[in-house]
Amino acid sequence: MANLTAAGVTYPIKAILFDKDGTLIDFIYTWGKWSEHMFAEFANQLKARELPPISADIATLWGTRQDGDAIVDYDRNGPLAMGTIEDLAAILAWQGYLAGMSWAEAKIAVQQCRQHADQQLEAARASKALPGVVEFLAQCREQGLKLAVVTADETAPAVKHLKWLGLDSYFDAIIGTDRVERGKPFPDMALLACRELDIQPSEAAVIGDTNGDMRMADLAGAAVAIGIAPTSGAAAASKLPDADAIIITYDELRFAHDADER
């Protein structure tokens, strides 16, 4: 049992369940690039069929903010952050249908776009750890904590992204949305992770960047739901209303034994 302190409160825990994107790895560096490839290829598909261009509101529907063609930020509670690949495929297929494709044609086009985007991501190995992640995972290992990833991504690509960074060896379980009946904000992934770690949910902390992560933690009965946000204050609190604690960097989390050293 380790004693984790977040926002001045100490929680005795045996494990930590981490979201992946936006929590362990830089969200925009991976999924921003992936989305840019999706949009560009879908635009090519529409142009080849002499159909109207992709809707200007696709960024809003997708849950991103763009500067020209570049994605520069995302809605922590939007489809890209919280939805599944199938959710995103449906959003883009709907754009194709509105532009004049049949539904079947739109679904095939989106599948081709996904293959293209996946290939581009693979070629670039577009994955980057957030600041402080490696150091914090090493501290968790020193504390003897069991660690798991619970992600809205599918399991195979989640494992791949972590392997690119050499982080996969830190985790005793990696749970993607394809391994459960219901994804976030439902508790299924957290409960499965706890079963695989052989602990009770009340013995686990959850760290994530969306309120879906916080709701999952609450519904599973986790010891604490810790939100990680780009800024502090009211803006962060409004995006993570169900968080027990909100941090900006991993340096804000302390274990009891090193409280005087950090």
Protein backbone atom coordinates (compact mmCIF):
# COMPACT_ATOMS: atom_id res chain seq x y z
CA MET A 1 0.00 0.00 0.00
CA ALA A 2 1.32 3.43 -0.97
CA ASN A 3 0.16 6.83 0.22
CA LEU A 4 -0.50 9.19 -2.69
CA THR A 5 -1.09 12.87 -1.96
CA ALA A 6 -3.08 14.97 -4.43
CA ALA A 7 -4.30 18.51 -3.74
CA GLY A 8 -3.36 18.17 -0.09
CA VAL A 9 -5.29 14.96 0.56
CA THR A 10 -3.53 11.61 1.04
CA TYR A 11 -5.03 8.39 -0.31
CA PRO A 12 -3.80 4.87 0.55
CA ILE A 13 -3.74 2.95 -2.74
CA LYS A 14 -2.42 -0.26 -4.29
CA ALA A 15 -2.79 0.73 -7.95
CA ILE A 16 -3.22 3.58 -10.40
CA LEU A 17 -5.36 3.41 -13.54
CA PHE A 18 -4.23 5.86 -16.21
CA ASP A 19 -6.08 7.14 -19.22
CA LYS A 20 -3.69 7.13 -22.19
CA ASP A 21 -4.23 10.05 -24.55
CA GLY A 22 -3.84 13.43 -22.90
CA THR A 23 -2.75 11.74 -19.68
CA LEU A 24 0.30 9.66 -20.54
CA ILE A 25 0.94 10.84 -24.09
CA ASP A 26 0.55 14.17 -25.86
CA PHE A 27 -2.97 14.08 -27.31
CA ILE A 28 -2.46 16.53 -30.17
CA TYR A 29 0.86 15.01 -31.21
CA THR A 30 -0.90 11.69 -31.89
CA TRP A 31 -4.59 12.27 -32.47
CA GLY A 32 -4.28 15.78 -33.87
CA LYS A 33 -2.01 14.43 -36.60
CA TRP A 34 -4.26 11.40 -37.13
CA SER A 35 -7.30 13.66 -37.51
CA GLU A 36 -5.49 15.93 -39.96
CA HIS A 37 -4.74 12.89 -42.14
CA MET A 38 -8.37 11.75 -41.85
CA PHE A 39 -9.72 15.14 -42.94
CA ALA A 40 -7.24 15.55 -45.79
CA GLU A 41 -7.92 12.09 -47.21
CA PHE A 42 -11.68 12.52 -46.86
CA ALA A 43 -11.43 15.84 -48.69
CA ASN A 44 -9.63 13.99 -51.48
CA GLN A 45 -12.41 11.40 -51.58
CA LEU A 46 -15.05 14.11 -51.94
CA LYS A 47 -13.06 15.96 -54.60
CA ALA A 48 -12.56 12.77 -56.62
CA ARG A 49 -16.35 12.32 -56.69
CA GLU A 50 -16.90 16.00 -57.55
CA LEU A 51 -18.89 16.47 -54.35
CA PRO A 52 -19.00 19.56 -52.11
CA PRO A 53 -15.99 19.98 -49.80
CA ILE A 54 -15.98 18.79 -46.21
CA SER A 55 -18.15 20.94 -43.94
CA ALA A 56 -16.42 23.84 -42.21
CA ASP A 57 -17.99 22.78 -38.91
CA ILE A 58 -16.24 19.39 -38.90
CA ALA A 59 -13.79 20.64 -36.25
CA THR A 60 -16.68 21.49 -33.92
CA LEU A 61 -18.33 18.13 -34.55
CA TRP A 62 -15.01 16.34 -34.07
CA GLY A 63 -14.18 18.24 -30.89
CA THR A 64 -11.07 20.07 -32.08
CA ARG A 65 -9.83 23.61 -32.65
CA GLN A 66 -7.93 24.35 -35.84
CA ASP A 67 -5.50 26.98 -37.07
CA GLY A 68 -5.84 26.61 -40.82
CA ASP A 69 -5.49 22.89 -41.52
CA ALA A 70 -3.55 22.25 -38.31
CA ILE A 71 -5.31 20.96 -35.20
CA VAL A 72 -4.00 22.92 -32.22
CA ASP A 73 -6.33 21.97 -29.35
CA TYR A 74 -9.21 19.68 -28.44
CA ASP A 75 -12.32 19.57 -26.30
CA ARG A 76 -11.48 17.32 -23.33
CA ASN A 77 -15.11 16.23 -23.24
CA GLY A 78 -15.66 16.02 -27.01
CA PRO A 79 -15.90 13.09 -29.45
CA LEU A 80 -12.19 12.89 -30.31
CA ALA A 81 -11.20 12.81 -26.64
CA MET A 82 -13.96 10.59 -25.29
CA GLY A 83 -15.46 8.76 -28.25
CA THR A 84 -14.47 5.50 -29.90
CA ILE A 85 -13.03 5.11 -33.38
CA GLU A 86 -16.50 3.95 -34.44
CA ASP A 87 -18.01 7.18 -33.08
CA LEU A 88 -15.56 9.24 -35.12
CA ALA A 89 -16.13 7.12 -38.22
CA ALA A 90 -19.87 7.76 -37.92
CA ILE A 91 -19.32 11.54 -37.68
CA LEU A 92 -17.20 11.57 -40.82
CA ALA A 93 -19.48 9.17 -42.70
CA TRP A 94 -22.38 11.50 -41.95
CA GLN A 95 -20.44 14.30 -43.63
CA GLY A 96 -20.06 12.12 -46.70
CA TYR A 97 -23.75 11.31 -46.72
CA LEU A 98 -24.66 15.00 -46.47
CA ALA A 99 -22.31 15.74 -49.36
CA GLY A 100 -24.09 13.23 -51.61
CA MET A 101 -22.57 9.80 -50.98
CA SER A 102 -24.76 6.83 -50.19
CA TRP A 103 -24.39 5.67 -46.59
CA ALA A 104 -22.58 2.53 -47.72
CA GLU A 105 -20.23 4.55 -49.93
CA ALA A 106 -19.54 6.98 -47.09
CA LYS A 107 -18.68 4.16 -44.67
CA ILE A 108 -16.26 2.61 -47.18
CA ALA A 109 -14.66 6.00 -47.82
CA VAL A 110 -14.16 6.58 -44.10
CA GLN A 111 -12.62 3.13 -43.68
CA GLN A 112 -10.14 3.96 -46.45
CA CYS A 113 -9.37 7.26 -44.72
CA ARG A 114 -8.74 5.45 -41.45
CA GLN A 115 -6.35 3.03 -43.12
CA HIS A 116 -4.47 5.98 -44.63
CA ALA A 117 -4.33 7.87 -41.32
CA ASP A 118 -3.21 4.76 -39.43
CA GLN A 119 -0.43 4.17 -41.95
CA GLN A 120 0.77 7.76 -41.66
CA LEU A 121 0.77 7.54 -37.86
CA GLU A 122 2.67 4.27 -38.01
CA ALA A 123 5.28 5.68 -40.39
CA ALA A 124 5.86 8.72 -38.17
CA ARG A 125 5.56 6.81 -34.88
CA ALA A 126 3.62 9.84 -33.74
CA SER A 127 3.63 9.41 -29.98
CA LYS A 128 5.22 11.62 -27.31
CA ALA A 129 5.08 11.25 -23.53
CA LEU A 130 3.79 14.17 -21.52
CA PRO A 131 6.33 15.93 -19.28
CA GLY A 132 6.97 14.08 -16.04
CA VAL A 133 5.27 10.84 -17.09
CA VAL A 134 8.37 8.64 -17.20
CA GLU A 135 9.61 9.92 -13.85
CA PHE A 136 6.22 9.42 -12.20
CA LEU A 137 5.88 5.88 -13.57
CA ALA A 138 9.32 5.09 -12.17
CA GLN A 139 8.21 6.40 -8.77
CA CYS A 140 5.09 4.24 -8.94
CA ARG A 141 7.29 1.22 -9.62
CA GLU A 142 9.47 2.09 -6.61
CA GLN A 143 6.31 2.23 -4.49
CA GLY A 144 5.31 -1.26 -5.64
CA LEU A 145 2.08 -0.02 -7.20
CA LYS A 146 0.23 -2.00 -9.83
CA LEU A 147 -0.45 0.07 -12.94
CA ALA A 148 -3.00 -0.18 -15.73
CA VAL A 149 -4.09 1.81 -18.77
CA VAL A 150 -7.82 2.32 -19.39
CA THR A 151 -8.32 4.02 -22.74
CA ALA A 152 -11.05 4.92 -25.20
CA ASP A 153 -8.60 3.77 -27.87
CA GLU A 154 -8.65 0.15 -29.01
CA THR A 155 -6.25 -2.17 -27.19
CA ALA A 156 -3.86 -3.05 -30.04
CA PRO A 157 -3.04 0.54 -31.05
CA ALA A 158 -2.85 1.53 -27.38
CA VAL A 159 -0.18 -1.11 -26.79
CA LYS A 160 1.62 0.02 -29.93
CA HIS A 161 1.69 3.69 -28.92
CA LEU A 162 3.07 2.80 -25.49
CA LYS A 163 5.70 0.50 -27.03
CA TRP A 164 6.88 3.30 -29.31
CA LEU A 165 7.75 5.22 -26.15
CA GLY A 166 9.07 2.26 -24.18
CA LEU A 167 6.30 2.69 -21.60
CA ASP A 168 4.44 -0.59 -22.06
CA SER A 169 6.64 -2.47 -19.57
CA TYR A 170 5.38 -0.29 -16.71
CA PHE A 171 1.83 -1.59 -17.02
CA ASP A 172 0.35 -4.80 -15.68
CA ALA A 173 -2.83 -4.40 -17.75
CA ILE A 174 -3.87 -2.40 -20.81
CA ILE A 175 -7.62 -2.14 -21.30
CA GLY A 176 -8.99 -0.70 -24.54
CA THR A 177 -12.60 0.07 -25.29
CA ASP A 178 -12.82 -3.07 -27.45
CA ARG A 179 -12.39 -5.23 -24.35
CA VAL A 180 -15.58 -4.08 -22.63
CA GLU A 181 -19.25 -3.77 -23.47
CA ARG A 182 -19.44 -0.11 -22.44
CA GLY A 183 -16.71 2.49 -22.67
CA LYS A 184 -16.25 5.62 -20.60
CA PRO A 185 -17.94 7.16 -18.68
CA PHE A 186 -19.28 3.76 -17.64
CA PRO A 187 -17.15 1.88 -15.07
CA ASP A 188 -16.55 -1.27 -17.12
CA MET A 189 -12.91 -0.59 -18.07
CA ALA A 190 -11.92 0.39 -14.55
CA LEU A 191 -13.64 -2.66 -13.08
CA LEU A 192 -11.94 -4.98 -15.58
CA ALA A 193 -8.57 -3.40 -14.86
CA CYS A 194 -9.06 -3.91 -11.13
CA ARG A 195 -9.97 -7.56 -11.68
CA GLU A 196 -6.84 -8.08 -13.76
CA LEU A 197 -4.72 -6.33 -11.13
CA ASP A 198 -6.41 -8.40 -8.39
CA ILE A 199 -7.39 -5.37 -6.32
CA GLN A 200 -10.60 -3.71 -5.19
CA PRO A 201 -11.65 -0.50 -7.02
CA SER A 202 -11.46 1.33 -3.68
CA GLU A 203 -7.73 0.58 -3.67
CA ALA A 204 -7.09 2.34 -6.99
CA ALA A 205 -6.54 5.94 -8.05
CA VAL A 206 -7.66 7.03 -11.52
CA ILE A 207 -5.83 9.72 -13.50
CA GLY A 208 -7.33 11.17 -16.68
CA ASP A 209 -7.86 14.35 -18.68
CA THR A 210 -11.61 14.14 -19.31
CA ASN A 211 -14.64 14.19 -17.08
CA GLY A 212 -15.52 10.83 -18.58
CA ASP A 213 -12.48 9.47 -16.77
CA MET A 214 -13.68 11.09 -13.55
CA ARG A 215 -17.19 9.67 -13.93
CA MET A 216 -15.76 6.22 -14.66
CA ALA A 217 -13.70 6.43 -11.47
CA ASP A 218 -16.69 7.51 -9.40
CA LEU A 219 -19.00 4.84 -10.80
CA ALA A 220 -16.36 2.15 -10.25
CA GLY A 221 -15.84 3.24 -6.64
CA ALA A 222 -12.19 4.27 -7.04
CA ALA A 223 -10.28 5.78 -4.13
CA VAL A 224 -9.73 9.07 -5.95
CA ALA A 225 -10.32 10.62 -9.38
CA ILE A 226 -7.44 12.90 -10.38
CA GLY A 227 -7.88 15.16 -13.38
CA ILE A 228 -4.93 16.46 -15.38
CA ALA A 229 -5.57 19.80 -17.08
CA PRO A 230 -3.59 22.31 -19.18
CA THR A 231 -4.43 25.13 -16.76
CA SER A 232 -5.63 25.56 -13.20
CA GLY A 233 -8.53 27.50 -11.73
CA ALA A 234 -12.17 27.80 -12.73
CA ALA A 235 -11.61 26.80 -16.36
CA ALA A 236 -10.11 23.46 -15.37
CA ALA A 237 -12.74 22.86 -12.71
CA SER A 238 -15.53 23.49 -15.20
CA LYS A 239 -14.12 20.83 -17.54
CA LEU A 240 -13.51 18.31 -14.75
CA PRO A 241 -16.44 18.84 -12.35
CA ASP A 242 -16.27 15.30 -10.96
CA ALA A 243 -12.54 15.32 -10.18
CA ASP A 244 -11.48 14.95 -6.55
CA ALA A 245 -8.22 16.71 -7.39
CA ILE A 246 -6.87 18.55 -10.44
CA ILE A 247 -3.20 18.77 -11.39
CA ILE A 248 -1.32 20.44 -14.22
CA THR A 249 1.86 18.37 -13.97
CA TYR A 250 2.83 15.08 -12.35
CA ASP A 251 5.19 16.96 -10.02
CA GLU A 252 2.09 17.92 -8.03
CA LEU A 253 1.55 14.29 -7.00
CA ARG A 254 3.57 13.10 -4.02
CA PHE A 255 4.15 9.85 -2.25
CA ALA A 256 4.43 10.03 1.54
CA HIS A 257 8.01 8.81 1.73
CA ASP A 258 9.37 11.58 -0.52
CA ALA A 259 7.13 14.43 0.61
CA ASP A 260 10.09 16.20 2.18
CA GLU A 261 12.35 15.71 -0.84
CA ARG A 262 10.23 17.22 -3.60
